[in-house]
Amino acid sequence: MLALIDISFSWVMFSLFFVVYYYFSKQRWWALFLVSYVLTAVGFLLKGLPAGVFQGITLLAYFTYRGSFKKLISFQHVAGIAVFAILIGAYYWVYLKYNDLDTVFATLFRESSKRTAVDHGLGRTILHLFTFPFEMVYHFMPWSLLAVYFLNRNAVRLVREDRFLEFLAVAFFSNILIYWSSPGIFPRYLLMFVPLVFGIALRLHEWHEQRESWNFRFVQGAFLALIIAIALGSLAPLFIERLGVVPYRIPAALLLGLGMVGLLAWMLPKPERRLPGMVIALLLFRIGFNWFVIPDRNRHDYGDSCRESSKEVGRNYREEKMYVYRNTEMQPTNSFYLTRERGAIIPRRWGNYDKSALFLIDPEEYPKVGYEKVDTIHVRHGRVIFDLVRLQ
């Protein structure tokens, strides 16, 4: 919903993982290094240094695990690094014609380190080491319920019997350690790892299904309970008056409920259908989310007040000079709508203030500045309000 870059970046990084496995299994070293470093370059242009870290760790961990470390010291690997350097170098060669590289590289290193213990301290890092697994189980529900299969003593043996599962395990555990030790991460940073760990879990699911183990029965029962909960929840829009603004609310809710009833009727006679049933239930849930929750958020969420207040200020004071006062931290959303309505970028001023001009100021950051308030804009999740003022 927020056009975050992490999903695209995660697809590129998962493709990188798979390329390493596929070409390694074929012993095609030229293709492995050239294609994987092209993907690393794409990832770098999307999100900076993490792409290089994923590539380096994955190659080092898997080649070492498979006893092929010497291949990392080869002409093919040097050629792959050269392709990466040429692609990134060409981009920055053009960039340097218009901008200074000092700020770019300082930002790259700052953005990569601000999630780690360097910025968050030892105490929070130690706490994160213990809480991280439980947070990830919560954020990736319901599929993280499959983690119960790893509690069986046969899990390691089953993984080691399959080269592909071995690769998934090595790629996952070698790369996840960085995030496990970094307190400032968000779940969306881990999306490239989801196919790795769930690829293993699905193979274990098949093994436990054949034996009808307690692990399998637990997962089946949990899935059934969740599907029933989603089915009951699909009727909730019928009783929430706030959703009355949604077009065709009642037919849409009834259609969604009918779909869930049909799913239960198809799934209940055969327990083996509960896994695909969970997939279908989540798809129906997402359709309901799009029908009811997104329109409601658009009208009542902080994003609406942020957008509308910025548009109104930009429109109402379009002809007046406007500046950002000193280090007032403007949010991208506000900047976009203000700039679009005014047709011009709003510059900052640190001195020589024009008393006839308008200034956007954070009243909490500058409580002692004398000014006459003219208007306000909402920023940062609706909890912060900036004043539009004339300085006295």
Protein backbone atom coordinates (compact mmCIF):
# COMPACT_ATOMS: atom_id res chain seq x y z
CA MET A 1 0.00 0.00 0.00
CA LEU A 2 2.93 2.33 0.63
CA ALA A 3 4.99 1.60 -2.50
CA LEU A 4 7.91 0.43 -0.39
CA ILE A 5 11.01 -0.62 -2.29
CA ASP A 6 11.58 -3.68 -0.07
CA ILE A 7 9.33 -6.04 -2.06
CA SER A 8 11.14 -5.39 -5.34
CA PHE A 9 14.50 -5.58 -3.58
CA SER A 10 13.52 -8.88 -1.95
CA TRP A 11 12.57 -10.42 -5.31
CA VAL A 12 15.99 -9.46 -6.69
CA MET A 13 17.79 -10.90 -3.65
CA PHE A 14 15.83 -14.15 -3.73
CA SER A 15 16.65 -14.43 -7.45
CA LEU A 16 20.30 -13.94 -6.49
CA PHE A 17 20.08 -16.82 -3.97
CA PHE A 18 18.46 -19.10 -6.52
CA VAL A 19 20.99 -18.24 -9.24
CA VAL A 20 23.82 -19.23 -6.90
CA TYR A 21 22.18 -22.58 -6.17
CA TYR A 22 21.13 -23.35 -9.74
CA TYR A 23 24.42 -22.61 -11.46
CA PHE A 24 26.44 -24.18 -8.65
CA SER A 25 24.49 -27.43 -9.10
CA LYS A 26 25.31 -27.25 -12.85
CA GLN A 27 28.97 -26.31 -12.20
CA ARG A 28 28.52 -23.34 -14.54
CA TRP A 29 30.87 -20.90 -12.82
CA TRP A 30 30.85 -18.17 -15.47
CA ALA A 31 27.08 -17.94 -15.41
CA LEU A 32 26.99 -18.12 -11.61
CA PHE A 33 29.32 -15.22 -11.00
CA LEU A 34 28.25 -13.00 -13.91
CA VAL A 35 24.50 -13.33 -13.39
CA SER A 36 24.66 -13.12 -9.59
CA TYR A 37 26.81 -9.97 -9.71
CA VAL A 38 24.43 -8.35 -12.21
CA LEU A 39 21.63 -9.01 -9.69
CA THR A 40 23.86 -7.64 -6.93
CA ALA A 41 24.31 -4.46 -8.95
CA VAL A 42 20.55 -4.14 -9.43
CA GLY A 43 20.06 -4.67 -5.69
CA PHE A 44 22.73 -2.10 -4.90
CA LEU A 45 21.04 0.50 -7.08
CA LEU A 46 17.76 -0.28 -5.30
CA LYS A 47 18.96 -0.28 -1.70
CA GLY A 48 22.70 0.12 -1.38
CA LEU A 49 25.14 -1.95 0.64
CA PRO A 50 22.85 -4.80 1.83
CA ALA A 51 22.89 -6.26 -1.69
CA GLY A 52 26.66 -6.67 -1.57
CA VAL A 53 26.43 -8.17 1.90
CA PHE A 54 23.88 -10.78 0.75
CA GLN A 55 26.05 -11.72 -2.21
CA GLY A 56 29.27 -11.95 -0.21
CA ILE A 57 27.80 -13.96 2.67
CA THR A 58 25.88 -16.36 0.42
CA LEU A 59 28.89 -17.11 -1.77
CA LEU A 60 31.27 -17.51 1.16
CA ALA A 61 28.90 -19.66 3.22
CA TYR A 62 27.72 -22.01 0.47
CA PHE A 63 31.02 -22.45 -1.34
CA THR A 64 32.73 -23.18 1.97
CA TYR A 65 29.97 -25.60 3.01
CA ARG A 66 30.30 -27.49 -0.27
CA GLY A 67 34.12 -27.56 -0.09
CA SER A 68 34.57 -25.28 -3.10
CA PHE A 69 36.21 -22.30 -1.43
CA LYS A 70 38.96 -22.21 -4.07
CA LYS A 71 36.36 -21.30 -6.69
CA LEU A 72 35.97 -17.95 -4.94
CA ILE A 73 39.58 -17.23 -5.89
CA SER A 74 39.10 -17.63 -9.61
CA PHE A 75 39.10 -15.61 -12.80
CA GLN A 76 35.35 -16.15 -13.12
CA HIS A 77 34.77 -14.53 -9.73
CA VAL A 78 37.02 -11.60 -10.63
CA ALA A 79 35.04 -11.17 -13.84
CA GLY A 80 31.79 -11.09 -11.87
CA ILE A 81 33.18 -8.43 -9.53
CA ALA A 82 34.35 -6.46 -12.58
CA VAL A 83 30.83 -6.53 -14.07
CA PHE A 84 29.43 -5.26 -10.78
CA ALA A 85 32.06 -2.48 -10.65
CA ILE A 86 31.37 -1.45 -14.27
CA LEU A 87 27.61 -1.24 -13.75
CA ILE A 88 27.83 0.69 -10.49
CA GLY A 89 30.74 2.79 -11.72
CA ALA A 90 28.86 3.81 -14.87
CA TYR A 91 25.92 4.97 -12.80
CA TYR A 92 28.06 7.08 -10.45
CA TRP A 93 30.14 8.42 -13.33
CA VAL A 94 26.97 10.00 -14.73
CA TYR A 95 25.79 10.96 -11.24
CA LEU A 96 29.08 12.75 -10.52
CA LYS A 97 28.41 15.16 -13.36
CA TYR A 98 25.50 16.65 -11.42
CA ASN A 99 26.11 15.83 -7.74
CA ASP A 100 28.80 15.37 -5.11
CA LEU A 101 29.62 11.75 -4.22
CA ASP A 102 30.63 12.54 -0.62
CA THR A 103 27.03 12.85 0.53
CA VAL A 104 25.99 9.72 -1.37
CA PHE A 105 28.51 7.38 0.21
CA ALA A 106 28.13 8.91 3.66
CA THR A 107 24.39 8.27 3.38
CA LEU A 108 24.90 4.70 2.14
CA PHE A 109 27.03 3.82 5.15
CA ARG A 110 24.78 5.67 7.59
CA GLU A 111 21.62 3.96 6.31
CA SER A 112 23.29 0.55 6.51
CA SER A 113 24.60 1.01 10.06
CA LYS A 114 21.71 2.81 11.75
CA ARG A 115 19.76 -0.43 12.30
CA THR A 116 22.67 -2.15 14.04
CA ALA A 117 24.17 -2.14 17.55
CA VAL A 118 26.28 0.84 16.49
CA ASP A 119 23.24 3.10 16.82
CA HIS A 120 21.11 1.17 19.32
CA GLY A 121 23.58 0.20 22.02
CA LEU A 122 24.59 -3.06 23.63
CA GLY A 123 21.59 -3.43 25.98
CA ARG A 124 18.95 -3.23 23.27
CA THR A 125 21.01 -5.50 21.03
CA ILE A 126 21.21 -8.23 23.69
CA LEU A 127 17.45 -7.99 24.28
CA HIS A 128 16.85 -8.22 20.53
CA LEU A 129 18.82 -11.48 20.35
CA PHE A 130 16.18 -13.11 22.58
CA THR A 131 13.05 -11.44 21.19
CA PHE A 132 13.83 -11.62 17.46
CA PRO A 133 12.64 -15.22 16.81
CA PHE A 134 9.31 -14.61 18.58
CA GLU A 135 8.76 -11.32 16.73
CA MET A 136 9.31 -13.02 13.39
CA VAL A 137 6.90 -15.84 14.26
CA TYR A 138 4.28 -13.18 15.04
CA HIS A 139 4.86 -11.08 11.94
CA PHE A 140 4.78 -13.99 9.47
CA MET A 141 1.71 -15.73 10.84
CA PRO A 142 0.02 -18.00 9.93
CA TRP A 143 2.83 -19.60 7.90
CA SER A 144 5.26 -19.34 10.80
CA LEU A 145 3.14 -22.01 12.52
CA LEU A 146 5.03 -24.44 10.28
CA ALA A 147 8.07 -23.76 12.48
CA VAL A 148 6.70 -26.46 14.81
CA TYR A 149 8.12 -29.00 12.34
CA PHE A 150 11.64 -27.94 13.24
CA LEU A 151 11.06 -29.29 16.77
CA ASN A 152 11.26 -32.85 15.46
CA ARG A 153 14.68 -34.54 15.72
CA ASN A 154 14.41 -35.73 12.09
CA ALA A 155 14.36 -32.17 10.73
CA VAL A 156 18.14 -31.85 10.36
CA ARG A 157 18.42 -35.29 8.74
CA LEU A 158 15.70 -34.51 6.19
CA VAL A 159 17.37 -31.24 5.26
CA ARG A 160 20.78 -32.86 4.83
CA GLU A 161 19.33 -35.55 2.55
CA ASP A 162 18.28 -32.93 -0.03
CA ARG A 163 20.86 -30.63 -1.69
CA PHE A 164 18.26 -27.95 -2.39
CA LEU A 165 17.05 -27.89 1.21
CA GLU A 166 20.67 -27.78 2.35
CA PHE A 167 21.20 -24.67 0.26
CA LEU A 168 18.05 -23.03 1.61
CA ALA A 169 19.24 -23.69 5.17
CA VAL A 170 22.78 -22.39 4.55
CA ALA A 171 21.53 -19.27 2.74
CA PHE A 172 18.96 -18.57 5.45
CA PHE A 173 21.08 -19.06 8.56
CA SER A 174 24.21 -17.36 7.20
CA ASN A 175 22.30 -14.22 6.14
CA ILE A 176 19.74 -13.98 8.95
CA LEU A 177 22.48 -13.52 11.58
CA ILE A 178 22.98 -9.90 10.51
CA TYR A 179 19.33 -9.09 11.15
CA TRP A 180 19.19 -11.20 14.30
CA SER A 181 21.88 -8.95 15.77
CA SER A 182 20.37 -5.66 14.51
CA PRO A 183 17.69 -4.12 16.77
CA GLY A 184 16.41 -1.54 14.31
CA ILE A 185 15.02 -3.85 11.62
CA PHE A 186 11.47 -4.14 10.27
CA PRO A 187 9.80 -7.38 9.09
CA ARG A 188 9.71 -6.11 5.49
CA TYR A 189 13.52 -6.26 5.48
CA LEU A 190 13.26 -10.07 5.77
CA LEU A 191 10.95 -10.85 2.86
CA MET A 192 13.75 -12.42 0.78
CA PHE A 193 14.23 -15.02 3.53
CA VAL A 194 10.60 -16.17 3.58
CA PRO A 195 10.87 -18.57 0.59
CA LEU A 196 14.08 -19.99 2.07
CA VAL A 197 12.72 -21.03 5.46
CA PHE A 198 9.22 -21.91 4.22
CA GLY A 199 10.69 -24.01 1.41
CA ILE A 200 12.19 -26.22 4.09
CA ALA A 201 9.03 -26.11 6.21
CA LEU A 202 6.84 -27.28 3.32
CA ARG A 203 9.07 -30.30 2.73
CA LEU A 204 8.84 -31.13 6.43
CA HIS A 205 5.07 -30.66 6.22
CA GLU A 206 4.87 -33.42 3.61
CA TRP A 207 6.97 -35.73 5.80
CA HIS A 208 4.84 -35.12 8.90
CA GLU A 209 1.62 -35.44 6.90
CA GLN A 210 2.57 -38.96 5.84
CA ARG A 211 3.10 -39.93 9.49
CA GLU A 212 0.24 -37.86 10.96
CA SER A 213 2.57 -36.65 13.71
CA TRP A 214 1.46 -34.39 16.56
CA ASN A 215 3.24 -31.54 14.77
CA PHE A 216 1.06 -32.09 11.71
CA ARG A 217 -2.13 -32.35 13.74
CA PHE A 218 -1.24 -29.09 15.54
CA VAL A 219 -0.74 -27.23 12.25
CA GLN A 220 -3.95 -28.65 10.80
CA GLY A 221 -5.96 -27.64 13.86
CA ALA A 222 -4.46 -24.15 13.91
CA PHE A 223 -5.19 -23.63 10.21
CA LEU A 224 -8.79 -24.76 10.66
CA ALA A 225 -9.29 -22.41 13.62
CA LEU A 226 -7.87 -19.49 11.65
CA ILE A 227 -10.00 -20.21 8.60
CA ILE A 228 -13.15 -20.34 10.75
CA ALA A 229 -12.13 -17.04 12.40
CA ILE A 230 -11.67 -15.44 8.96
CA ALA A 231 -15.05 -16.81 7.87
CA LEU A 232 -16.77 -15.23 10.87
CA GLY A 233 -14.82 -12.00 10.46
CA SER A 234 -15.90 -11.70 6.83
CA LEU A 235 -19.40 -10.82 8.07
CA ALA A 236 -18.16 -8.04 10.37
CA PRO A 237 -18.67 -5.26 7.76
CA LEU A 238 -22.42 -5.89 8.01
CA PHE A 239 -22.40 -4.58 11.59
CA ILE A 240 -19.85 -1.72 11.45
CA GLU A 241 -21.72 1.50 10.69
CA ARG A 242 -18.49 3.37 9.96
CA LEU A 243 -18.16 1.25 6.80
CA GLY A 244 -21.48 2.55 5.49
CA VAL A 245 -19.57 4.81 3.09
CA VAL A 246 -18.20 1.77 1.22
CA PRO A 247 -20.20 1.24 -2.01
CA TYR A 248 -22.27 -1.97 -2.05
CA ARG A 249 -21.17 -2.81 1.48
CA ILE A 250 -23.88 -5.40 2.17
CA PRO A 251 -23.65 -7.33 -1.15
CA ALA A 252 -19.85 -7.31 -0.92
CA ALA A 253 -19.85 -8.63 2.66
CA LEU A 254 -22.41 -11.33 1.80
CA LEU A 255 -20.42 -12.38 -1.27
CA LEU A 256 -17.26 -12.61 0.84
CA GLY A 257 -19.10 -14.65 3.49
CA LEU A 258 -20.50 -16.95 0.81
CA GLY A 259 -17.01 -17.52 -0.54
CA MET A 260 -15.76 -18.48 2.93
CA VAL A 261 -18.71 -20.88 3.45
CA GLY A 262 -17.92 -22.50 0.11
CA LEU A 263 -14.28 -22.82 1.10
CA LEU A 264 -15.18 -24.54 4.38
CA ALA A 265 -17.55 -26.92 2.58
CA TRP A 266 -14.76 -27.86 0.13
CA MET A 267 -12.09 -28.16 2.80
CA LEU A 268 -13.71 -29.89 5.81
CA PRO A 269 -14.30 -33.37 4.29
CA LYS A 270 -10.58 -33.75 3.45
CA PRO A 271 -7.98 -32.57 6.03
CA GLU A 272 -5.23 -32.54 3.39
CA ARG A 273 -6.98 -29.53 1.84
CA ARG A 274 -6.33 -27.32 4.86
CA LEU A 275 -2.99 -26.02 3.62
CA PRO A 276 -4.31 -24.85 0.23
CA GLY A 277 -7.48 -23.82 2.09
CA MET A 278 -5.38 -21.49 4.22
CA VAL A 279 -3.95 -19.94 1.05
CA ILE A 280 -7.44 -19.37 -0.39
CA ALA A 281 -8.72 -17.99 2.94
CA LEU A 282 -5.93 -15.44 3.03
CA LEU A 283 -6.66 -14.40 -0.55
CA LEU A 284 -10.33 -13.89 0.33
CA PHE A 285 -9.25 -12.00 3.46
CA ARG A 286 -7.12 -9.72 1.31
CA ILE A 287 -10.01 -9.06 -1.06
CA GLY A 288 -12.15 -8.09 1.95
CA PHE A 289 -9.33 -5.89 3.22
CA ASN A 290 -9.22 -4.09 -0.13
CA TRP A 291 -12.99 -3.67 -0.19
CA PHE A 292 -13.49 -2.37 3.34
CA VAL A 293 -10.30 -1.44 5.20
CA ILE A 294 -8.44 0.58 2.57
CA PRO A 295 -11.38 2.92 1.81
CA ASP A 296 -11.90 3.37 5.55
CA ARG A 297 -8.23 4.18 6.06
CA ASN A 298 -8.33 6.63 3.19
CA ARG A 299 -11.06 8.57 5.01
CA HIS A 300 -10.04 8.21 8.65
CA ASP A 301 -6.34 7.34 8.84
CA TYR A 302 -3.59 9.83 9.73
CA GLY A 303 -2.51 9.73 6.08
CA ASP A 304 -5.74 11.46 5.09
CA SER A 305 -5.24 14.39 7.50
CA CYS A 306 -1.58 14.59 6.47
CA ARG A 307 -2.48 14.75 2.78
CA GLU A 308 -5.49 17.03 3.03
CA SER A 309 -3.93 19.57 5.41
CA SER A 310 -0.84 19.82 3.18
CA LYS A 311 -2.94 20.26 0.05
CA GLU A 312 -5.07 22.92 1.70
CA VAL A 313 -2.09 24.93 2.95
CA GLY A 314 -0.32 24.65 -0.40
CA ARG A 315 -3.45 25.76 -2.24
CA ASN A 316 -4.52 28.57 0.12
CA TYR A 317 -1.09 30.21 0.29
CA ARG A 318 0.06 29.44 -3.25
CA GLU A 319 0.92 33.07 -4.08
CA GLU A 320 2.87 33.79 -0.89
CA LYS A 321 6.56 33.17 -0.24
CA MET A 322 6.99 30.07 1.91
CA TYR A 323 10.04 28.55 3.60
CA VAL A 324 10.93 25.73 5.99
CA TYR A 325 12.30 27.16 9.23
CA ARG A 326 15.86 25.99 9.96
CA ASN A 327 16.05 22.24 10.75
CA THR A 328 12.32 21.56 10.94
CA GLU A 329 12.12 17.95 9.73
CA MET A 330 9.79 17.92 6.76
CA GLN A 331 8.25 14.55 5.89
CA PRO A 332 8.22 13.38 2.24
CA THR A 333 4.41 13.19 2.16
CA ASN A 334 4.00 16.80 3.25
CA SER A 335 6.74 17.99 0.89
CA PHE A 336 5.13 16.22 -2.05
CA TYR A 337 1.63 17.67 -1.61
CA LEU A 338 2.84 21.15 -0.69
CA THR A 339 5.13 21.24 -3.71
CA ARG A 340 2.48 19.87 -6.05
CA GLU A 341 -0.13 22.43 -4.98
CA ARG A 342 2.27 25.38 -5.05
CA GLY A 343 4.11 24.32 -8.21
CA ALA A 344 7.46 25.05 -6.58
CA ILE A 345 9.87 23.53 -4.06
CA ILE A 346 9.80 25.11 -0.59
CA PRO A 347 13.38 26.04 0.38
CA ARG A 348 14.89 26.22 3.87
CA ARG A 349 16.09 29.35 5.60
CA TRP A 350 18.62 29.51 8.45
CA GLY A 351 18.88 33.29 8.68
CA ASN A 352 18.01 36.64 7.05
CA TYR A 353 14.34 35.88 7.56
CA ASP A 354 11.78 37.72 5.48
CA LYS A 355 9.13 38.80 8.01
CA SER A 356 6.51 39.05 5.26
CA ALA A 357 7.00 35.40 4.24
CA LEU A 358 5.41 32.29 5.71
CA PHE A 359 7.46 29.64 7.52
CA LEU A 360 6.72 26.02 8.34
CA ILE A 361 8.04 25.36 11.84
CA ASP A 362 8.05 22.51 14.33
CA PRO A 363 6.74 24.17 17.53
CA GLU A 364 8.22 21.44 19.73
CA GLU A 365 11.70 21.85 18.29
CA TYR A 366 11.58 25.68 18.41
CA PRO A 367 9.35 26.56 21.41
CA LYS A 368 11.06 29.91 22.07
CA VAL A 369 10.70 31.37 18.58
CA GLY A 370 8.25 34.27 18.45
CA TYR A 371 5.68 34.02 15.69
CA GLU A 372 2.07 34.53 14.70
CA LYS A 373 0.38 31.24 13.75
CA VAL A 374 -1.46 31.36 10.42
CA ASP A 375 -2.33 27.70 9.79
CA THR A 376 -1.19 24.12 10.50
CA ILE A 377 -0.32 20.87 8.73
CA HIS A 378 -0.49 17.33 10.14
CA VAL A 379 2.60 15.15 9.86
CA ARG A 380 4.06 11.88 11.14
CA HIS A 381 1.15 9.58 11.75
CA GLY A 382 -1.12 12.39 12.91
CA ARG A 383 0.70 12.82 16.22
CA VAL A 384 2.70 15.89 15.20
CA ILE A 385 1.42 19.21 13.93
CA PHE A 386 3.61 21.85 12.29
CA ASP A 387 2.63 25.50 12.36
CA LEU A 388 2.55 27.82 9.37
CA VAL A 389 3.66 31.15 10.80
CA ARG A 390 4.86 34.67 10.26
CA LEU A 391 7.95 35.42 12.30
CA GLN A 392 7.82 38.37 14.69
